């Protein structure tokens, strides 16, 4: 049995919430999580509770930004149509970059 531990805010996190997603939804979620700089659990909790996500800029986050921008560049070069999920990722990336610029 694992040792009980408190999170950073001194809360016990001993309840499990699980749900299924499609492979496409999982990929989309993973991209959003990487861009946020949070772990998946914290990202999902913030989104479900409609709390603002504060990005912790780190080399890992900047690498995710770089990779995402390169992916957008390839889409534009190949003149591929942009689906709703990709458009959401583009908007989210631009929003995060604007927030970073303001800081």
PDB file of N, CA and C in Angstrom:
ATOM      1  N   UNK A   1       0.837  -1.179   0.000  1.00  0.00           N
ATOM      2  CA  UNK A   1       0.000   0.000   0.000  1.00  0.00           C
ATOM      3  C   UNK A   1       0.883   1.244   0.000  1.00  0.00           C
ATOM      4  N   UNK A   2       0.501   2.253  -0.766  1.00  0.00           N
ATOM      5  CA  UNK A   2       1.332   3.445  -0.878  1.00  0.00           C
ATOM      6  C   UNK A   2       1.159   4.361   0.333  1.00  0.00           C
ATOM      7  N   UNK A   3       2.163   5.171   0.548  1.00  0.00           N
ATOM      8  CA  UNK A   3       2.164   6.108   1.665  1.00  0.00           C
ATOM      9  C   UNK A   3       1.298   7.307   1.303  1.00  0.00           C
ATOM     10  N   UNK A   4       0.452   7.748   2.222  1.00  0.00           N
ATOM     11  CA  UNK A   4      -0.385   8.918   1.988  1.00  0.00           C
ATOM     12  C   UNK A   4       0.496  10.156   1.966  1.00  0.00           C
ATOM     13  N   UNK A   5       0.163  11.077   1.073  1.00  0.00           N
ATOM     14  CA  UNK A   5       0.946  12.303   0.957  1.00  0.00           C
ATOM     15  C   UNK A   5       0.003  13.473   0.707  1.00  0.00           C
ATOM     16  N   UNK A   6       0.394  14.625   1.201  1.00  0.00           N
ATOM     17  CA  UNK A   6      -0.360  15.850   0.976  1.00  0.00           C
ATOM     18  C   UNK A   6       0.164  16.525  -0.279  1.00  0.00           C
ATOM     19  N   UNK A   7      -0.708  17.257  -0.995  1.00  0.00           N
ATOM     20  CA  UNK A   7      -0.226  18.032  -2.132  1.00  0.00           C
ATOM     21  C   UNK A   7       0.314  19.366  -1.632  1.00  0.00           C
ATOM     22  N   UNK A   8       0.676  20.260  -2.541  1.00  0.00           N
ATOM     23  CA  UNK A   8       1.292  21.548  -2.164  1.00  0.00           C
ATOM     24  C   UNK A   8       0.384  22.433  -1.317  1.00  0.00           C
ATOM     25  N   UNK A   9      -0.917  22.265  -1.464  1.00  0.00           N
ATOM     26  CA  UNK A   9      -1.863  23.080  -0.699  1.00  0.00           C
ATOM     27  C   UNK A   9      -2.312  22.386   0.582  1.00  0.00           C
ATOM     28  N   UNK A  10      -1.673  21.286   0.929  1.00  0.00           N
ATOM     29  CA  UNK A  10      -1.998  20.577   2.159  1.00  0.00           C
ATOM     30  C   UNK A  10      -3.268  19.746   2.090  1.00  0.00           C
ATOM     31  N   UNK A  11      -3.666  19.321   0.878  1.00  0.00           N
ATOM     32  CA  UNK A  11      -4.886  18.543   0.709  1.00  0.00           C
ATOM     33  C   UNK A  11      -4.545  17.074   0.502  1.00  0.00           C
ATOM     34  N   UNK A  12      -5.421  16.220   1.003  1.00  0.00           N
ATOM     35  CA  UNK A  12      -5.309  14.796   0.709  1.00  0.00           C
ATOM     36  C   UNK A  12      -5.944  14.575  -0.646  1.00  0.00           C
ATOM     37  N   UNK A  13      -5.264  13.911  -1.519  1.00  0.00           N
ATOM     38  CA  UNK A  13      -5.829  13.587  -2.826  1.00  0.00           C
ATOM     39  C   UNK A  13      -5.934  12.068  -2.905  1.00  0.00           C
ATOM     40  N   UNK A  14      -7.040  11.555  -2.402  1.00  0.00           N
ATOM     41  CA  UNK A  14      -7.199  10.111  -2.351  1.00  0.00           C
ATOM     42  C   UNK A  14      -8.425   9.629  -3.130  1.00  0.00           C
ATOM     43  N   UNK A  15      -9.029  10.478  -3.927  1.00  0.00           N
ATOM     44  CA  UNK A  15     -10.166  10.096  -4.772  1.00  0.00           C
ATOM     45  C   UNK A  15      -9.693  10.006  -6.214  1.00  0.00           C
ATOM     46  N   UNK A  16     -10.127   8.968  -6.914  1.00  0.00           N
ATOM     47  CA  UNK A  16      -9.723   8.764  -8.300  1.00  0.00           C
ATOM     48  C   UNK A  16     -10.898   9.071  -9.208  1.00  0.00           C
ATOM     49  N   UNK A  17     -10.634   9.874 -10.236  1.00  0.00           N
ATOM     50  CA  UNK A  17     -11.615  10.187 -11.256  1.00  0.00           C
ATOM     51  C   UNK A  17     -11.001   9.733 -12.575  1.00  0.00           C
ATOM     52  N   UNK A  18     -11.701   8.881 -13.296  1.00  0.00           N
ATOM     53  CA  UNK A  18     -11.174   8.362 -14.553  1.00  0.00           C
ATOM     54  C   UNK A  18     -12.242   8.439 -15.634  1.00  0.00           C
ATOM     55  N   UNK A  19     -11.801   8.614 -16.875  1.00  0.00           N
ATOM     56  CA  UNK A  19     -12.721   8.619 -17.994  1.00  0.00           C
ATOM     57  C   UNK A  19     -11.963   8.196 -19.245  1.00  0.00           C
ATOM     58  N   UNK A  20     -12.707   7.796 -20.247  1.00  0.00           N
ATOM     59  CA  UNK A  20     -12.112   7.314 -21.490  1.00  0.00           C
ATOM     60  C   UNK A  20     -12.121   8.425 -22.542  1.00  0.00           C
ATOM     61  N   UNK A  21     -11.095   8.413 -23.384  1.00  0.00           N
ATOM     62  CA  UNK A  21     -11.020   9.344 -24.505  1.00  0.00           C
ATOM     63  C   UNK A  21     -10.561   8.570 -25.746  1.00  0.00           C
ATOM     64  N   UNK A  22     -10.834   9.142 -26.893  1.00  0.00           N
ATOM     65  CA  UNK A  22     -10.363   8.539 -28.142  1.00  0.00           C
ATOM     66  C   UNK A  22      -8.875   8.853 -28.305  1.00  0.00           C
ATOM     67  N   UNK A  23      -8.186   8.148 -29.191  1.00  0.00           N
ATOM     68  CA  UNK A  23      -6.769   8.470 -29.432  1.00  0.00           C
ATOM     69  C   UNK A  23      -6.567   9.916 -29.902  1.00  0.00           C
ATOM     70  N   UNK A  24      -7.486  10.427 -30.708  1.00  0.00           N
ATOM     71  CA  UNK A  24      -7.384  11.809 -31.185  1.00  0.00           C
ATOM     72  C   UNK A  24      -7.567  12.794 -30.029  1.00  0.00           C
ATOM     73  N   UNK A  25      -8.538  12.530 -29.170  1.00  0.00           N
ATOM     74  CA  UNK A  25      -8.766  13.391 -28.005  1.00  0.00           C
ATOM     75  C   UNK A  25      -7.562  13.345 -27.067  1.00  0.00           C
ATOM     76  N   UNK A  26      -6.979  12.173 -26.912  1.00  0.00           N
ATOM     77  CA  UNK A  26      -5.810  12.033 -26.052  1.00  0.00           C
ATOM     78  C   UNK A  26      -4.635  12.839 -26.599  1.00  0.00           C
ATOM     79  N   UNK A  27      -4.424  12.784 -27.900  1.00  0.00           N
ATOM     80  CA  UNK A  27      -3.338  13.547 -28.525  1.00  0.00           C
ATOM     81  C   UNK A  27      -3.565  15.045 -28.341  1.00  0.00           C
ATOM     82  N   UNK A  28      -4.807  15.471 -28.550  1.00  0.00           N
ATOM     83  CA  UNK A  28      -5.167  16.886 -28.382  1.00  0.00           C
ATOM     84  C   UNK A  28      -4.927  17.323 -26.928  1.00  0.00           C
ATOM     85  N   UNK A  29      -5.380  16.513 -25.990  1.00  0.00           N
ATOM     86  CA  UNK A  29      -5.199  16.820 -24.576  1.00  0.00           C
ATOM     87  C   UNK A  29      -3.721  16.888 -24.222  1.00  0.00           C
ATOM     88  N   UNK A  30      -2.938  15.953 -24.715  1.00  0.00           N
ATOM     89  CA  UNK A  30      -1.503  15.944 -24.413  1.00  0.00           C
ATOM     90  C   UNK A  30      -0.804  17.195 -24.935  1.00  0.00           C
ATOM     91  N   UNK A  31      -1.220  17.692 -26.105  1.00  0.00           N
ATOM     92  CA  UNK A  31      -0.638  18.931 -26.640  1.00  0.00           C
ATOM     93  C   UNK A  31      -0.955  20.106 -25.729  1.00  0.00           C
ATOM     94  N   UNK A  32      -2.198  20.194 -25.284  1.00  0.00           N
ATOM     95  CA  UNK A  32      -2.584  21.287 -24.383  1.00  0.00           C
ATOM     96  C   UNK A  32      -1.821  21.213 -23.062  1.00  0.00           C
ATOM     97  N   UNK A  33      -1.658  20.010 -22.556  1.00  0.00           N
ATOM     98  CA  UNK A  33      -0.936  19.823 -21.294  1.00  0.00           C
ATOM     99  C   UNK A  33       0.518  20.242 -21.450  1.00  0.00           C
ATOM    100  N   UNK A  34       1.166  19.842 -22.540  1.00  0.00           N
ATOM    101  CA  UNK A  34       2.571  20.204 -22.763  1.00  0.00           C
ATOM    102  C   UNK A  34       2.749  21.710 -22.850  1.00  0.00           C
ATOM    103  N   UNK A  35       1.819  22.384 -23.532  1.00  0.00           N
ATOM    104  CA  UNK A  35       1.922  23.834 -23.679  1.00  0.00           C
ATOM    105  C   UNK A  35       1.684  24.556 -22.356  1.00  0.00           C
ATOM    106  N   UNK A  36       0.939  23.945 -21.445  1.00  0.00           N
ATOM    107  CA  UNK A  36       0.629  24.602 -20.169  1.00  0.00           C
ATOM    108  C   UNK A  36       1.782  24.526 -19.187  1.00  0.00           C
ATOM    109  N   UNK A  37       2.624  23.513 -19.314  1.00  0.00           N
ATOM    110  CA  UNK A  37       3.715  23.340 -18.358  1.00  0.00           C
ATOM    111  C   UNK A  37       3.288  22.639 -17.084  1.00  0.00           C
ATOM    112  N   UNK A  38       2.025  22.268 -16.990  1.00  0.00           N
ATOM    113  CA  UNK A  38       1.513  21.557 -15.823  1.00  0.00           C
ATOM    114  C   UNK A  38       1.536  20.059 -16.085  1.00  0.00           C
ATOM    115  N   UNK A  39       1.354  19.282 -15.026  1.00  0.00           N
ATOM    116  CA  UNK A  39       1.156  17.858 -15.265  1.00  0.00           C
ATOM    117  C   UNK A  39      -0.313  17.662 -15.646  1.00  0.00           C
ATOM    118  N   UNK A  40      -0.626  16.503 -16.181  1.00  0.00           N
ATOM    119  CA  UNK A  40      -1.971  16.275 -16.717  1.00  0.00           C
ATOM    120  C   UNK A  40      -3.039  16.399 -15.628  1.00  0.00           C
ATOM    121  N   UNK A  41      -2.755  15.890 -14.435  1.00  0.00           N
ATOM    122  CA  UNK A  41      -3.726  15.963 -13.348  1.00  0.00           C
ATOM    123  C   UNK A  41      -4.047  17.409 -13.009  1.00  0.00           C
ATOM    124  N   UNK A  42      -3.030  18.240 -12.813  1.00  0.00           N
ATOM    125  CA  UNK A  42      -3.268  19.644 -12.465  1.00  0.00           C
ATOM    126  C   UNK A  42      -3.986  20.378 -13.592  1.00  0.00           C
ATOM    127  N   UNK A  43      -3.593  20.093 -14.832  1.00  0.00           N
ATOM    128  CA  UNK A  43      -4.247  20.734 -15.968  1.00  0.00           C
ATOM    129  C   UNK A  43      -5.736  20.406 -15.999  1.00  0.00           C
ATOM    130  N   UNK A  44      -6.073  19.127 -15.844  1.00  0.00           N
ATOM    131  CA  UNK A  44      -7.477  18.717 -15.881  1.00  0.00           C
ATOM    132  C   UNK A  44      -8.268  19.314 -14.725  1.00  0.00           C
ATOM    133  N   UNK A  45      -7.684  19.354 -13.547  1.00  0.00           N
ATOM    134  CA  UNK A  45      -8.383  19.949 -12.395  1.00  0.00           C
ATOM    135  C   UNK A  45      -8.664  21.421 -12.648  1.00  0.00           C
ATOM    136  N   UNK A  46      -7.666  22.164 -13.163  1.00  0.00           N
ATOM    137  CA  UNK A  46      -7.867  23.585 -13.460  1.00  0.00           C
ATOM    138  C   UNK A  46      -8.952  23.784 -14.511  1.00  0.00           C
ATOM    139  N   UNK A  47      -8.945  22.957 -15.540  1.00  0.00           N
ATOM    140  CA  UNK A  47      -9.941  23.109 -16.597  1.00  0.00           C
ATOM    141  C   UNK A  47     -11.344  22.763 -16.114  1.00  0.00           C
ATOM    142  N   UNK A  48     -11.475  21.700 -15.341  1.00  0.00           N
ATOM    143  CA  UNK A  48     -12.788  21.280 -14.852  1.00  0.00           C
ATOM    144  C   UNK A  48     -13.363  22.322 -13.902  1.00  0.00           C
ATOM    145  N   UNK A  49     -12.519  22.889 -13.062  1.00  0.00           N
ATOM    146  CA  UNK A  49     -12.977  23.885 -12.102  1.00  0.00           C
ATOM    147  C   UNK A  49     -13.013  25.295 -12.695  1.00  0.00           C
ATOM    148  N   UNK A  50     -12.686  25.410 -13.989  1.00  0.00           N
ATOM    149  CA  UNK A  50     -12.697  26.692 -14.714  1.00  0.00           C
ATOM    150  C   UNK A  50     -11.800  27.732 -14.058  1.00  0.00           C
ATOM    151  N   UNK A  51     -10.649  27.265 -13.580  1.00  0.00           N
ATOM    152  CA  UNK A  51      -9.651  28.159 -13.011  1.00  0.00           C
ATOM    153  C   UNK A  51      -8.682  28.575 -14.102  1.00  0.00           C
ATOM    154  N   UNK A  52      -8.112  29.770 -13.946  1.00  0.00           N
ATOM    155  CA  UNK A  52      -7.136  30.229 -14.933  1.00  0.00           C
ATOM    156  C   UNK A  52      -5.870  29.396 -14.818  1.00  0.00           C
ATOM    157  N   UNK A  53      -5.330  29.038 -15.952  1.00  0.00           N
ATOM    158  CA  UNK A  53      -4.108  28.239 -15.980  1.00  0.00           C
ATOM    159  C   UNK A  53      -2.928  29.185 -16.115  1.00  0.00           C
ATOM    160  N   UNK A  54      -2.061  29.155 -15.129  1.00  0.00           N
ATOM    161  CA  UNK A  54      -0.855  29.958 -15.158  1.00  0.00           C
ATOM    162  C   UNK A  54       0.274  29.084 -15.671  1.00  0.00           C
ATOM    163  N   UNK A  55       0.854  29.492 -16.785  1.00  0.00           N
ATOM    164  CA  UNK A  55       1.908  28.689 -17.410  1.00  0.00           C
ATOM    165  C   UNK A  55       3.220  28.939 -16.694  1.00  0.00           C
ATOM    166  N   UNK A  56       3.878  27.857 -16.312  1.00  0.00           N
ATOM    167  CA  UNK A  56       5.207  27.934 -15.725  1.00  0.00           C
ATOM    168  C   UNK A  56       6.200  27.764 -16.864  1.00  0.00           C
ATOM    169  N   UNK A  57       6.754  28.877 -17.334  1.00  0.00           N
ATOM    170  CA  UNK A  57       7.642  28.814 -18.484  1.00  0.00           C
ATOM    171  C   UNK A  57       8.948  28.163 -18.081  1.00  0.00           C
ATOM    172  N   UNK A  58       9.281  27.108 -18.800  1.00  0.00           N
ATOM    173  CA  UNK A  58      10.495  26.350 -18.546  1.00  0.00           C
ATOM    174  C   UNK A  58      11.041  25.902 -19.895  1.00  0.00           C
ATOM    175  N   UNK A  59      12.241  25.367 -19.924  1.00  0.00           N
ATOM    176  CA  UNK A  59      12.776  24.870 -21.196  1.00  0.00           C
ATOM    177  C   UNK A  59      11.851  23.828 -21.848  1.00  0.00           C
ATOM    178  N   UNK A  60      11.190  23.015 -21.033  1.00  0.00           N
ATOM    179  CA  UNK A  60      10.271  22.005 -21.562  1.00  0.00           C
ATOM    180  C   UNK A  60       9.065  22.659 -22.248  1.00  0.00           C
ATOM    181  N   UNK A  61       8.563  23.738 -21.669  1.00  0.00           N
ATOM    182  CA  UNK A  61       7.421  24.448 -22.258  1.00  0.00           C
ATOM    183  C   UNK A  61       7.848  25.135 -23.554  1.00  0.00           C
ATOM    184  N   UNK A  62       9.024  25.756 -23.543  1.00  0.00           N
ATOM    185  CA  UNK A  62       9.504  26.411 -24.757  1.00  0.00           C
ATOM    186  C   UNK A  62       9.728  25.394 -25.874  1.00  0.00           C
ATOM    187  N   UNK A  63      10.191  24.196 -25.527  1.00  0.00           N
ATOM    188  CA  UNK A  63      10.358  23.138 -26.526  1.00  0.00           C
ATOM    189  C   UNK A  63       8.995  22.743 -27.097  1.00  0.00           C
ATOM    190  N   UNK A  64       7.979  22.657 -26.240  1.00  0.00           N
ATOM    191  CA  UNK A  64       6.628  22.334 -26.706  1.00  0.00           C
ATOM    192  C   UNK A  64       6.110  23.429 -27.641  1.00  0.00           C
ATOM    193  N   UNK A  65       6.378  24.708 -27.285  1.00  0.00           N
ATOM    194  CA  UNK A  65       5.987  25.813 -28.161  1.00  0.00           C
ATOM    195  C   UNK A  65       6.670  25.689 -29.514  1.00  0.00           C
ATOM    196  N   UNK A  66       7.975  25.440 -29.498  1.00  0.00           N
ATOM    197  CA  UNK A  66       8.740  25.317 -30.736  1.00  0.00           C
ATOM    198  C   UNK A  66       8.183  24.192 -31.607  1.00  0.00           C
ATOM    199  N   UNK A  67       7.945  23.047 -30.996  1.00  0.00           N
ATOM    200  CA  UNK A  67       7.418  21.910 -31.753  1.00  0.00           C
ATOM    201  C   UNK A  67       6.043  22.210 -32.334  1.00  0.00           C
ATOM    202  N   UNK A  68       5.214  22.880 -31.546  1.00  0.00           N
ATOM    203  CA  UNK A  68       3.867  23.205 -32.008  1.00  0.00           C
ATOM    204  C   UNK A  68       3.915  24.199 -33.155  1.00  0.00           C
ATOM    205  N   UNK A  69       4.770  25.191 -33.063  1.00  0.00           N
ATOM    206  CA  UNK A  69       4.891  26.188 -34.130  1.00  0.00           C
ATOM    207  C   UNK A  69       5.435  25.537 -35.398  1.00  0.00           C
ATOM    208  N   UNK A  70       6.389  24.611 -35.249  1.00  0.00           N
ATOM    209  CA  UNK A  70       6.888  23.876 -36.422  1.00  0.00           C
ATOM    210  C   UNK A  70       5.784  23.055 -37.071  1.00  0.00           C
ATOM    211  N   UNK A  71       4.917  22.467 -36.247  1.00  0.00           N
ATOM    212  CA  UNK A  71       3.787  21.703 -36.777  1.00  0.00           C
ATOM    213  C   UNK A  71       2.828  22.616 -37.549  1.00  0.00           C
ATOM    214  N   UNK A  72       2.566  23.812 -37.011  1.00  0.00           N
ATOM    215  CA  UNK A  72       1.709  24.780 -37.702  1.00  0.00           C
ATOM    216  C   UNK A  72       2.347  25.182 -39.029  1.00  0.00           C
ATOM    217  N   UNK A  73       3.656  25.387 -39.007  1.00  0.00           N
ATOM    218  CA  UNK A  73       4.386  25.779 -40.204  1.00  0.00           C
ATOM    219  C   UNK A  73       4.229  24.720 -41.300  1.00  0.00           C
ATOM    220  N   UNK A  74       4.333  23.443 -40.928  1.00  0.00           N
ATOM    221  CA  UNK A  74       4.165  22.358 -41.905  1.00  0.00           C
ATOM    222  C   UNK A  74       2.750  22.351 -42.478  1.00  0.00           C
ATOM    223  N   UNK A  75       1.753  22.607 -41.629  1.00  0.00           N
ATOM    224  CA  UNK A  75       0.369  22.672 -42.122  1.00  0.00           C
ATOM    225  C   UNK A  75       0.208  23.781 -43.150  1.00  0.00           C
ATOM    226  N   UNK A  76       0.815  24.933 -42.860  1.00  0.00           N
ATOM    227  CA  UNK A  76       0.690  26.061 -43.776  1.00  0.00           C
ATOM    228  C   UNK A  76       1.457  25.819 -45.073  1.00  0.00           C
ATOM    229  N   UNK A  77       2.627  25.204 -44.976  1.00  0.00           N
ATOM    230  CA  UNK A  77       3.415  24.917 -46.176  1.00  0.00           C
ATOM    231  C   UNK A  77       2.666  23.981 -47.114  1.00  0.00           C
ATOM    232  N   UNK A  78       2.028  22.980 -46.550  1.00  0.00           N
ATOM    233  CA  UNK A  78       1.328  21.983 -47.348  1.00  0.00           C
ATOM    234  C   UNK A  78      -0.095  22.391 -47.680  1.00  0.00           C
ATOM    235  N   UNK A  79      -0.502  23.563 -47.225  1.00  0.00           N
ATOM    236  CA  UNK A  79      -1.852  24.088 -47.463  1.00  0.00           C
ATOM    237  C   UNK A  79      -2.922  23.073 -47.093  1.00  0.00           C
ATOM    238  N   UNK A  80      -2.707  22.400 -45.963  1.00  0.00           N
ATOM    239  CA  UNK A  80      -3.679  21.423 -45.486  1.00  0.00           C
ATOM    240  C   UNK A  80      -4.812  22.138 -44.760  1.00  0.00           C
ATOM    241  N   UNK A  81      -6.025  21.598 -44.849  1.00  0.00           N
ATOM    242  CA  UNK A  81      -7.136  22.209 -44.107  1.00  0.00           C
ATOM    243  C   UNK A  81      -6.918  22.026 -42.606  1.00  0.00           C
ATOM    244  N   UNK A  82      -7.380  22.987 -41.841  1.00  0.00           N
ATOM    245  CA  UNK A  82      -7.210  22.965 -40.390  1.00  0.00           C
ATOM    246  C   UNK A  82      -8.529  22.532 -39.756  1.00  0.00           C
ATOM    247  N   UNK A  83      -8.475  21.463 -38.973  1.00  0.00           N
ATOM    248  CA  UNK A  83      -9.684  21.001 -38.287  1.00  0.00           C
ATOM    249  C   UNK A  83      -9.901  21.807 -37.008  1.00  0.00           C
ATOM    250  N   UNK A  84     -11.018  21.555 -36.359  1.00  0.00           N
ATOM    251  CA  UNK A  84     -11.383  22.313 -35.162  1.00  0.00           C
ATOM    252  C   UNK A  84     -10.361  22.153 -34.045  1.00  0.00           C
ATOM    253  N   UNK A  85      -9.875  20.936 -33.837  1.00  0.00           N
ATOM    254  CA  UNK A  85      -8.911  20.684 -32.763  1.00  0.00           C
ATOM    255  C   UNK A  85      -7.607  21.432 -33.007  1.00  0.00           C
ATOM    256  N   UNK A  86      -7.139  21.424 -34.242  1.00  0.00           N
ATOM    257  CA  UNK A  86      -5.907  22.146 -34.575  1.00  0.00           C
ATOM    258  C   UNK A  86      -6.112  23.647 -34.425  1.00  0.00           C
ATOM    259  N   UNK A  87      -7.265  24.144 -34.839  1.00  0.00           N
ATOM    260  CA  UNK A  87      -7.556  25.573 -34.683  1.00  0.00           C
ATOM    261  C   UNK A  87      -7.567  25.967 -33.211  1.00  0.00           C
ATOM    262  N   UNK A  88      -8.087  25.086 -32.367  1.00  0.00           N
ATOM    263  CA  UNK A  88      -8.090  25.361 -30.926  1.00  0.00           C
ATOM    264  C   UNK A  88      -6.675  25.409 -30.380  1.00  0.00           C
ATOM    265  N   UNK A  89      -5.819  24.484 -30.826  1.00  0.00           N
ATOM    266  CA  UNK A  89      -4.421  24.476 -30.382  1.00  0.00           C
ATOM    267  C   UNK A  89      -3.715  25.749 -30.837  1.00  0.00           C
ATOM    268  N   UNK A  90      -3.978  26.186 -32.060  1.00  0.00           N
ATOM    269  CA  UNK A  90      -3.365  27.418 -32.573  1.00  0.00           C
ATOM    270  C   UNK A  90      -3.797  28.606 -31.722  1.00  0.00           C
ATOM    271  N   UNK A  91      -5.086  28.709 -31.449  1.00  0.00           N
ATOM    272  CA  UNK A  91      -5.595  29.823 -30.640  1.00  0.00           C
ATOM    273  C   UNK A  91      -5.018  29.786 -29.228  1.00  0.00           C
ATOM    274  N   UNK A  92      -4.927  28.597 -28.647  1.00  0.00           N
ATOM    275  CA  UNK A  92      -4.378  28.444 -27.302  1.00  0.00           C
ATOM    276  C   UNK A  92      -2.908  28.839 -27.278  1.00  0.00           C
ATOM    277  N   UNK A  93      -2.156  28.426 -28.288  1.00  0.00           N
ATOM    278  CA  UNK A  93      -0.730  28.766 -28.363  1.00  0.00           C
ATOM    279  C   UNK A  93      -0.549  30.269 -28.490  1.00  0.00           C
ATOM    280  N   UNK A  94      -1.323  30.902 -29.343  1.00  0.00           N
ATOM    281  CA  UNK A  94      -1.226  32.352 -29.519  1.00  0.00           C
ATOM    282  C   UNK A  94      -1.577  33.073 -28.227  1.00  0.00           C
ATOM    283  N   UNK A  95      -2.620  32.606 -27.543  1.00  0.00           N
ATOM    284  CA  UNK A  95      -3.021  33.213 -26.268  1.00  0.00           C
ATOM    285  C   UNK A  95      -1.900  33.107 -25.234  1.00  0.00           C
ATOM    286  N   UNK A  96      -1.280  31.942 -25.131  1.00  0.00           N
ATOM    287  CA  UNK A  96      -0.185  31.761 -24.175  1.00  0.00           C
ATOM    288  C   UNK A  96       1.019  32.624 -24.530  1.00  0.00           C
ATOM    289  N   UNK A  97       1.332  32.728 -25.818  1.00  0.00           N
ATOM    290  CA  UNK A  97       2.455  33.563 -26.240  1.00  0.00           C
ATOM    291  C   UNK A  97       2.190  35.040 -25.948  1.00  0.00           C
ATOM    292  N   UNK A  98       0.930  35.489 -26.108  1.00  0.00           N
ATOM    293  CA  UNK A  98       0.591  36.872 -25.783  1.00  0.00           C
ATOM    294  C   UNK A  98       0.732  37.124 -24.282  1.00  0.00           C
ATOM    295  N   UNK A  99       0.300  36.178 -23.458  1.00  0.00           N
ATOM    296  CA  UNK A  99       0.451  36.319 -22.006  1.00  0.00           C
ATOM    297  C   UNK A  99       1.917  36.372 -21.618  1.00  0.00           C
ATOM    298  N   UNK A 100       2.712  35.526 -22.266  1.00  0.00           N
ATOM    299  CA  UNK A 100       4.155  35.520 -21.991  1.00  0.00           C
ATOM    300  C   UNK A 100       4.777  36.846 -22.378  1.00  0.00           C
ATOM    301  N   UNK A 101       4.351  37.393 -23.502  1.00  0.00           N
ATOM    302  CA  UNK A 101       4.883  38.678 -23.971  1.00  0.00           C
ATOM    303  C   UNK A 101       4.544  39.801 -22.997  1.00  0.00           C
ATOM    304  N   UNK A 102       3.342  39.760 -22.400  1.00  0.00           N
ATOM    305  CA  UNK A 102       2.918  40.775 -21.438  1.00  0.00           C
ATOM    306  C   UNK A 102       3.750  40.721 -20.155  1.00  0.00           C
ATOM    307  N   UNK A 103       4.197  39.514 -19.798  1.00  0.00           N
ATOM    308  CA  UNK A 103       5.006  39.367 -18.592  1.00  0.00           C
ATOM    309  C   UNK A 103       6.385  39.822 -18.871  1.00  0.00           C
TER     310      UNK A 103
END
